[in-house]
Every structure is written in structure tokens, then in C-alpha cells.
Amino acid sequence: MTDGTGPEPGEADLQVRPEELTRIGEAARGLGGDLVGKGLGASDSSYTAASTLLGSGLDSGAGLRHTMARFFRKTMDLKEDCDRIDEHLTGTVRSHSALEHDLLGQLRTARAPALPTAGGNPAIDALLRE
């Protein structure tokens, strides 16, 4: 399609760029690390404040302690999700590469020498020439 919503004539209609997936995975892992490093940076002082409030007889200390415990759990859940995204995309890159290699081998094997190269599918012909 030439309207920007699909591949141009002669282009592959399904492309996975491993370098893009790898960068996304690395960004997800980096975000997970930042969440723990920066997101939990105030935990110690917040727990100290909660203890001080409770020691002074203020019930808001229990609320702050509960909020910090919940924040910690949610932060760790989000970090695990970021790590899972990275692992999934890394696995996708590996499996796609292996599948592509296997498919190219099957195409080369299946292509009979008697078939003309001109007039076939240009995308497949280009793959077979690689």
C-alpha cells in the first residue's frame, strides 16, 4: 500500500527488526532497575517517619507504614513485569531468527531448478538470493 498503512509494493509484509525488539527489552529492564533504585529511594526515611509518628501516638504512622508496604509490593511487581517484557522480547528475537533461518532453508530446498526466477514473487526471489 502506498498510503502509509502497509508495505510498499515489493516489500515484505511482515517484518521483525531484532535490533528494535532488543532496544525495547533493554529499555524495559532499565526501567525496572530505575523503579527499584529511584522509586524506593525514600523507603528508609518514610518507614522511620512512620515509626516516629506511631511513637508519638499518631495513627497516621500506621497509614504511612501501610502505604509504604503497598508501594514496595507494587514497585516490585512492576519491576518483575519489566523483566518479563525483556525476557519475552529476547526470546522472540531468538526464536524469530531460528524460524527465519529454517524457512529460508525450506524455501531453497523446495524451489525446483526448473522454475523460472523471473515473474515469481520478488520478495521470495530476493530472500533466496541472499
N, C-alpha and C. Protein backbone atom coordinates (compact mmCIF):
# COMPACT_ATOMS: atom_id res chain seq x y z
N MET A 1 0.85 -1.18 0.00
CA MET A 1 0.00 0.00 0.00
C MET A 1 0.88 1.23 0.00
N THR A 2 0.44 2.24 -0.66
CA THR A 2 1.23 3.46 -0.73
C THR A 2 0.67 4.56 0.17
N ASP A 3 -0.38 4.26 0.94
CA ASP A 3 -0.97 5.27 1.82
C ASP A 3 -0.34 5.30 3.20
N GLY A 4 0.73 4.57 3.42
CA GLY A 4 1.42 4.57 4.69
C GLY A 4 0.88 3.58 5.70
N THR A 5 -0.16 2.82 5.33
CA THR A 5 -0.74 1.88 6.29
C THR A 5 -0.25 0.46 6.08
N GLY A 6 0.56 0.24 5.11
CA GLY A 6 1.04 -1.11 4.84
C GLY A 6 2.34 -1.07 4.08
N PRO A 7 2.80 -2.24 3.67
CA PRO A 7 4.08 -2.30 2.96
C PRO A 7 3.97 -1.71 1.55
N GLU A 8 5.07 -1.18 1.11
CA GLU A 8 5.16 -0.69 -0.27
C GLU A 8 5.24 -1.91 -1.19
N PRO A 9 4.88 -1.74 -2.48
CA PRO A 9 4.99 -2.87 -3.40
C PRO A 9 6.41 -3.44 -3.41
N GLY A 10 6.51 -4.75 -3.33
CA GLY A 10 7.80 -5.42 -3.33
C GLY A 10 8.43 -5.56 -1.95
N GLU A 11 7.83 -4.92 -0.93
CA GLU A 11 8.36 -5.03 0.42
C GLU A 11 7.74 -6.23 1.13
N ALA A 12 8.43 -6.74 2.11
CA ALA A 12 7.88 -7.82 2.93
C ALA A 12 6.71 -7.25 3.73
N ASP A 13 5.69 -8.07 3.92
CA ASP A 13 4.52 -7.57 4.63
C ASP A 13 4.59 -7.84 6.14
N LEU A 14 5.58 -8.55 6.58
CA LEU A 14 5.76 -8.81 7.99
C LEU A 14 7.24 -8.72 8.30
N GLN A 15 7.58 -7.74 9.12
CA GLN A 15 8.98 -7.56 9.45
C GLN A 15 9.14 -7.46 10.95
N VAL A 16 10.11 -8.15 11.46
CA VAL A 16 10.50 -8.05 12.85
C VAL A 16 11.96 -7.62 12.83
N ARG A 17 12.21 -6.47 13.37
CA ARG A 17 13.58 -5.98 13.41
C ARG A 17 14.16 -6.31 14.78
N PRO A 18 15.05 -7.28 14.82
CA PRO A 18 15.59 -7.72 16.10
C PRO A 18 16.22 -6.59 16.92
N GLU A 19 16.89 -5.67 16.25
CA GLU A 19 17.53 -4.59 16.99
C GLU A 19 16.51 -3.69 17.69
N GLU A 20 15.33 -3.51 17.09
CA GLU A 20 14.29 -2.71 17.73
C GLU A 20 13.72 -3.44 18.95
N LEU A 21 13.46 -4.72 18.79
CA LEU A 21 12.94 -5.50 19.92
C LEU A 21 13.96 -5.56 21.05
N THR A 22 15.22 -5.68 20.69
CA THR A 22 16.27 -5.72 21.71
C THR A 22 16.32 -4.40 22.47
N ARG A 23 16.23 -3.28 21.76
CA ARG A 23 16.25 -1.96 22.43
C ARG A 23 15.05 -1.79 23.35
N ILE A 24 13.88 -2.25 22.92
CA ILE A 24 12.69 -2.15 23.76
C ILE A 24 12.87 -2.98 25.02
N GLY A 25 13.39 -4.20 24.86
CA GLY A 25 13.63 -5.06 26.01
C GLY A 25 14.63 -4.45 26.98
N GLU A 26 15.70 -3.88 26.44
CA GLU A 26 16.70 -3.24 27.29
C GLU A 26 16.12 -2.04 28.03
N ALA A 27 15.26 -1.28 27.35
CA ALA A 27 14.61 -0.13 27.99
C ALA A 27 13.69 -0.60 29.12
N ALA A 28 12.98 -1.69 28.90
CA ALA A 28 12.10 -2.23 29.94
C ALA A 28 12.92 -2.68 31.15
N ARG A 29 14.02 -3.35 30.90
CA ARG A 29 14.87 -3.81 32.01
C ARG A 29 15.45 -2.59 32.75
N GLY A 30 15.87 -1.58 32.01
CA GLY A 30 16.40 -0.37 32.63
C GLY A 30 15.35 0.34 33.49
N LEU A 31 14.12 0.38 33.00
CA LEU A 31 13.04 0.98 33.77
C LEU A 31 12.82 0.21 35.06
N GLY A 32 12.85 -1.11 34.97
CA GLY A 32 12.70 -1.92 36.18
C GLY A 32 13.78 -1.61 37.20
N GLY A 33 15.01 -1.46 36.75
CA GLY A 33 16.10 -1.11 37.66
C GLY A 33 15.92 0.27 38.26
N ASP A 34 15.47 1.23 37.44
CA ASP A 34 15.22 2.58 37.94
C ASP A 34 14.10 2.60 38.97
N LEU A 35 13.09 1.78 38.75
CA LEU A 35 11.98 1.72 39.71
C LEU A 35 12.47 1.33 41.10
N VAL A 36 13.34 0.35 41.13
CA VAL A 36 13.86 -0.10 42.43
C VAL A 36 14.85 0.92 42.98
N GLY A 37 15.78 1.36 42.16
CA GLY A 37 16.81 2.28 42.63
C GLY A 37 16.28 3.64 43.03
N LYS A 38 15.47 4.24 42.17
CA LYS A 38 14.97 5.59 42.44
C LYS A 38 13.62 5.57 43.14
N GLY A 39 12.78 4.64 42.73
CA GLY A 39 11.43 4.60 43.29
C GLY A 39 11.39 4.24 44.76
N LEU A 40 12.33 3.43 45.19
CA LEU A 40 12.35 3.02 46.60
C LEU A 40 13.38 3.78 47.41
N GLY A 41 13.95 4.82 46.83
CA GLY A 41 15.00 5.58 47.50
C GLY A 41 14.57 6.23 48.80
N ALA A 42 13.31 6.56 48.93
CA ALA A 42 12.83 7.24 50.15
C ALA A 42 12.22 6.27 51.15
N SER A 43 12.32 4.98 50.89
CA SER A 43 11.67 4.00 51.77
C SER A 43 12.17 4.07 53.20
N ASP A 44 13.48 4.11 53.38
CA ASP A 44 14.03 4.10 54.74
C ASP A 44 13.52 5.30 55.54
N SER A 45 13.60 6.49 54.95
CA SER A 45 13.15 7.68 55.68
C SER A 45 11.64 7.67 55.91
N SER A 46 10.90 7.10 54.98
CA SER A 46 9.44 7.02 55.15
C SER A 46 9.07 6.05 56.27
N TYR A 47 9.76 4.91 56.33
CA TYR A 47 9.49 3.96 57.42
C TYR A 47 9.92 4.56 58.77
N THR A 48 11.01 5.32 58.78
CA THR A 48 11.44 5.99 60.01
C THR A 48 10.39 7.01 60.45
N ALA A 49 9.87 7.76 59.47
CA ALA A 49 8.82 8.74 59.78
C ALA A 49 7.57 8.05 60.32
N ALA A 50 7.21 6.91 59.72
CA ALA A 50 6.03 6.17 60.19
C ALA A 50 6.23 5.72 61.63
N SER A 51 7.42 5.23 61.94
CA SER A 51 7.71 4.78 63.31
C SER A 51 7.67 5.95 64.29
N THR A 52 8.21 7.08 63.87
CA THR A 52 8.20 8.27 64.73
C THR A 52 6.76 8.73 64.98
N LEU A 53 5.95 8.74 63.94
CA LEU A 53 4.55 9.14 64.10
C LEU A 53 3.81 8.19 65.05
N LEU A 54 4.04 6.89 64.86
CA LEU A 54 3.41 5.91 65.75
C LEU A 54 3.90 6.07 67.18
N GLY A 55 5.20 6.31 67.34
CA GLY A 55 5.78 6.51 68.67
C GLY A 55 5.24 7.74 69.37
N SER A 56 4.78 8.71 68.58
CA SER A 56 4.19 9.94 69.13
C SER A 56 2.69 9.79 69.37
N GLY A 57 2.17 8.61 69.12
CA GLY A 57 0.75 8.36 69.34
C GLY A 57 -0.14 8.79 68.19
N LEU A 58 0.43 9.03 67.04
CA LEU A 58 -0.37 9.46 65.88
C LEU A 58 -0.68 8.25 64.99
N ASP A 59 -1.97 8.07 64.71
CA ASP A 59 -2.40 6.94 63.89
C ASP A 59 -1.96 7.06 62.43
N SER A 60 -1.59 8.25 62.01
CA SER A 60 -1.15 8.42 60.62
C SER A 60 0.12 7.62 60.35
N GLY A 61 0.86 7.29 61.39
CA GLY A 61 2.06 6.46 61.22
C GLY A 61 1.72 5.10 60.68
N ALA A 62 0.61 4.50 61.16
CA ALA A 62 0.18 3.18 60.66
C ALA A 62 -0.24 3.29 59.19
N GLY A 63 -0.91 4.38 58.86
CA GLY A 63 -1.32 4.59 57.47
C GLY A 63 -0.13 4.75 56.55
N LEU A 64 0.87 5.50 57.01
CA LEU A 64 2.09 5.69 56.20
C LEU A 64 2.82 4.37 56.04
N ARG A 65 2.91 3.59 57.10
CA ARG A 65 3.59 2.30 57.04
C ARG A 65 2.85 1.37 56.04
N HIS A 66 1.52 1.35 56.12
CA HIS A 66 0.73 0.52 55.20
C HIS A 66 0.94 1.00 53.75
N THR A 67 0.93 2.29 53.56
CA THR A 67 1.12 2.85 52.20
C THR A 67 2.50 2.49 51.66
N MET A 68 3.52 2.57 52.48
CA MET A 68 4.87 2.24 52.03
C MET A 68 4.99 0.75 51.70
N ALA A 69 4.37 -0.10 52.51
CA ALA A 69 4.42 -1.55 52.22
C ALA A 69 3.73 -1.84 50.90
N ARG A 70 2.59 -1.20 50.67
CA ARG A 70 1.87 -1.40 49.41
C ARG A 70 2.68 -0.86 48.23
N PHE A 71 3.29 0.32 48.40
CA PHE A 71 4.11 0.91 47.35
C PHE A 71 5.28 -0.01 47.01
N PHE A 72 5.91 -0.58 48.02
CA PHE A 72 7.02 -1.50 47.79
C PHE A 72 6.56 -2.71 46.99
N ARG A 73 5.44 -3.33 47.38
CA ARG A 73 4.93 -4.51 46.67
C ARG A 73 4.62 -4.17 45.21
N LYS A 74 3.96 -3.06 44.98
CA LYS A 74 3.59 -2.67 43.61
C LYS A 74 4.83 -2.33 42.78
N THR A 75 5.82 -1.71 43.39
CA THR A 75 7.06 -1.41 42.69
C THR A 75 7.77 -2.69 42.26
N MET A 76 7.83 -3.65 43.16
CA MET A 76 8.47 -4.92 42.83
C MET A 76 7.69 -5.68 41.76
N ASP A 77 6.35 -5.61 41.81
CA ASP A 77 5.53 -6.24 40.77
C ASP A 77 5.82 -5.62 39.41
N LEU A 78 5.91 -4.29 39.38
CA LEU A 78 6.19 -3.60 38.13
C LEU A 78 7.58 -3.92 37.61
N LYS A 79 8.56 -4.03 38.51
CA LYS A 79 9.91 -4.41 38.10
C LYS A 79 9.90 -5.81 37.48
N GLU A 80 9.19 -6.73 38.10
CA GLU A 80 9.10 -8.09 37.55
C GLU A 80 8.44 -8.07 36.17
N ASP A 81 7.43 -7.23 35.99
CA ASP A 81 6.79 -7.11 34.68
C ASP A 81 7.76 -6.58 33.63
N CYS A 82 8.56 -5.60 34.00
CA CYS A 82 9.57 -5.07 33.07
C CYS A 82 10.58 -6.14 32.71
N ASP A 83 11.01 -6.91 33.68
CA ASP A 83 11.96 -8.01 33.41
C ASP A 83 11.32 -9.05 32.51
N ARG A 84 10.05 -9.33 32.72
CA ARG A 84 9.34 -10.32 31.90
C ARG A 84 9.23 -9.83 30.45
N ILE A 85 8.99 -8.53 30.26
CA ILE A 85 8.95 -7.96 28.90
C ILE A 85 10.29 -8.16 28.22
N ASP A 86 11.37 -7.85 28.93
CA ASP A 86 12.71 -8.02 28.36
C ASP A 86 12.96 -9.48 27.99
N GLU A 87 12.64 -10.39 28.90
CA GLU A 87 12.86 -11.81 28.62
C GLU A 87 12.02 -12.28 27.44
N HIS A 88 10.78 -11.82 27.36
CA HIS A 88 9.91 -12.23 26.26
C HIS A 88 10.46 -11.73 24.92
N LEU A 89 10.86 -10.47 24.88
CA LEU A 89 11.37 -9.93 23.62
C LEU A 89 12.69 -10.58 23.22
N THR A 90 13.54 -10.89 24.19
CA THR A 90 14.79 -11.61 23.89
C THR A 90 14.48 -12.98 23.31
N GLY A 91 13.51 -13.68 23.90
CA GLY A 91 13.10 -14.98 23.37
C GLY A 91 12.49 -14.87 21.98
N THR A 92 11.74 -13.79 21.76
CA THR A 92 11.13 -13.57 20.45
C THR A 92 12.20 -13.38 19.39
N VAL A 93 13.22 -12.59 19.71
CA VAL A 93 14.30 -12.36 18.75
C VAL A 93 15.00 -13.67 18.42
N ARG A 94 15.30 -14.47 19.45
CA ARG A 94 15.98 -15.76 19.22
C ARG A 94 15.12 -16.70 18.37
N SER A 95 13.85 -16.86 18.76
CA SER A 95 13.01 -17.82 18.04
C SER A 95 12.72 -17.33 16.62
N HIS A 96 12.55 -16.01 16.44
CA HIS A 96 12.30 -15.50 15.09
C HIS A 96 13.50 -15.74 14.19
N SER A 97 14.69 -15.54 14.73
CA SER A 97 15.91 -15.76 13.95
C SER A 97 16.02 -17.22 13.53
N ALA A 98 15.75 -18.13 14.47
CA ALA A 98 15.81 -19.56 14.15
C ALA A 98 14.74 -19.94 13.14
N LEU A 99 13.55 -19.40 13.30
CA LEU A 99 12.46 -19.70 12.37
C LEU A 99 12.77 -19.17 10.97
N GLU A 100 13.30 -17.96 10.91
CA GLU A 100 13.64 -17.37 9.61
C GLU A 100 14.71 -18.22 8.90
N HIS A 101 15.70 -18.65 9.64
CA HIS A 101 16.75 -19.50 9.08
C HIS A 101 16.16 -20.80 8.54
N ASP A 102 15.27 -21.40 9.31
CA ASP A 102 14.63 -22.65 8.91
C ASP A 102 13.75 -22.45 7.67
N LEU A 103 12.99 -21.37 7.65
CA LEU A 103 12.12 -21.11 6.49
C LEU A 103 12.92 -20.86 5.22
N LEU A 104 14.00 -20.11 5.33
CA LEU A 104 14.85 -19.88 4.15
C LEU A 104 15.41 -21.20 3.63
N GLY A 105 15.82 -22.07 4.53
CA GLY A 105 16.32 -23.38 4.11
C GLY A 105 15.23 -24.18 3.41
N GLN A 106 14.01 -24.14 3.93
CA GLN A 106 12.90 -24.86 3.30
C GLN A 106 12.57 -24.28 1.93
N LEU A 107 12.62 -22.94 1.82
CA LEU A 107 12.35 -22.30 0.52
C LEU A 107 13.40 -22.71 -0.51
N ARG A 108 14.65 -22.70 -0.10
CA ARG A 108 15.72 -23.08 -1.03
C ARG A 108 15.57 -24.54 -1.46
N THR A 109 15.20 -25.40 -0.52
CA THR A 109 15.04 -26.81 -0.82
C THR A 109 13.84 -27.04 -1.74
N ALA A 110 12.76 -26.31 -1.49
CA ALA A 110 11.53 -26.52 -2.25
C ALA A 110 11.59 -25.92 -3.65
N ARG A 111 12.42 -24.95 -3.86
CA ARG A 111 12.47 -24.28 -5.16
C ARG A 111 13.13 -25.21 -6.17
N ALA A 112 12.36 -25.62 -7.14
CA ALA A 112 12.88 -26.53 -8.17
C ALA A 112 13.75 -25.74 -9.14
N PRO A 113 14.87 -26.31 -9.58
CA PRO A 113 15.75 -25.61 -10.51
C PRO A 113 15.07 -25.26 -11.84
N ALA A 114 14.03 -26.00 -12.21
CA ALA A 114 13.37 -25.74 -13.48
C ALA A 114 12.45 -24.53 -13.44
N LEU A 115 12.11 -24.05 -12.25
CA LEU A 115 11.21 -22.90 -12.16
C LEU A 115 11.96 -21.63 -12.54
N PRO A 116 11.31 -20.78 -13.32
CA PRO A 116 11.97 -19.52 -13.71
C PRO A 116 12.06 -18.59 -12.50
N THR A 117 13.14 -17.81 -12.46
CA THR A 117 13.28 -16.85 -11.37
C THR A 117 12.53 -15.56 -11.67
N ALA A 118 12.38 -15.21 -12.92
CA ALA A 118 11.65 -14.00 -13.27
C ALA A 118 10.15 -14.29 -13.23
N GLY A 119 9.39 -13.32 -12.77
CA GLY A 119 7.94 -13.46 -12.75
C GLY A 119 7.42 -14.12 -11.48
N GLY A 120 8.29 -14.58 -10.62
CA GLY A 120 7.85 -15.16 -9.35
C GLY A 120 7.59 -14.05 -8.35
N ASN A 121 7.53 -14.40 -7.12
CA ASN A 121 7.35 -13.42 -6.06
C ASN A 121 8.68 -12.73 -5.81
N PRO A 122 8.76 -11.41 -6.05
CA PRO A 122 10.05 -10.71 -5.91
C PRO A 122 10.62 -10.80 -4.50
N ALA A 123 9.76 -10.79 -3.50
CA ALA A 123 10.25 -10.86 -2.12
C ALA A 123 10.90 -12.21 -1.85
N ILE A 124 10.29 -13.28 -2.33
CA ILE A 124 10.86 -14.62 -2.13
C ILE A 124 12.13 -14.77 -2.95
N ASP A 125 12.11 -14.27 -4.20
CA ASP A 125 13.31 -14.34 -5.03
C ASP A 125 14.48 -13.61 -4.35
N ALA A 126 14.20 -12.46 -3.76
CA ALA A 126 15.27 -11.70 -3.08
C ALA A 126 15.80 -12.48 -1.89
N LEU A 127 14.93 -13.12 -1.13
CA LEU A 127 15.37 -13.92 0.01
C LEU A 127 16.26 -15.07 -0.43
N LEU A 128 15.91 -15.70 -1.52
CA LEU A 128 16.66 -16.86 -1.98
C LEU A 128 18.03 -16.47 -2.53
N ARG A 129 18.17 -15.22 -2.97
CA ARG A 129 19.45 -14.77 -3.49
C ARG A 129 20.43 -14.41 -2.37
N GLU A 130 19.94 -14.24 -1.15
CA GLU A 130 20.82 -13.85 -0.03
C GLU A 130 21.81 -14.93 0.29
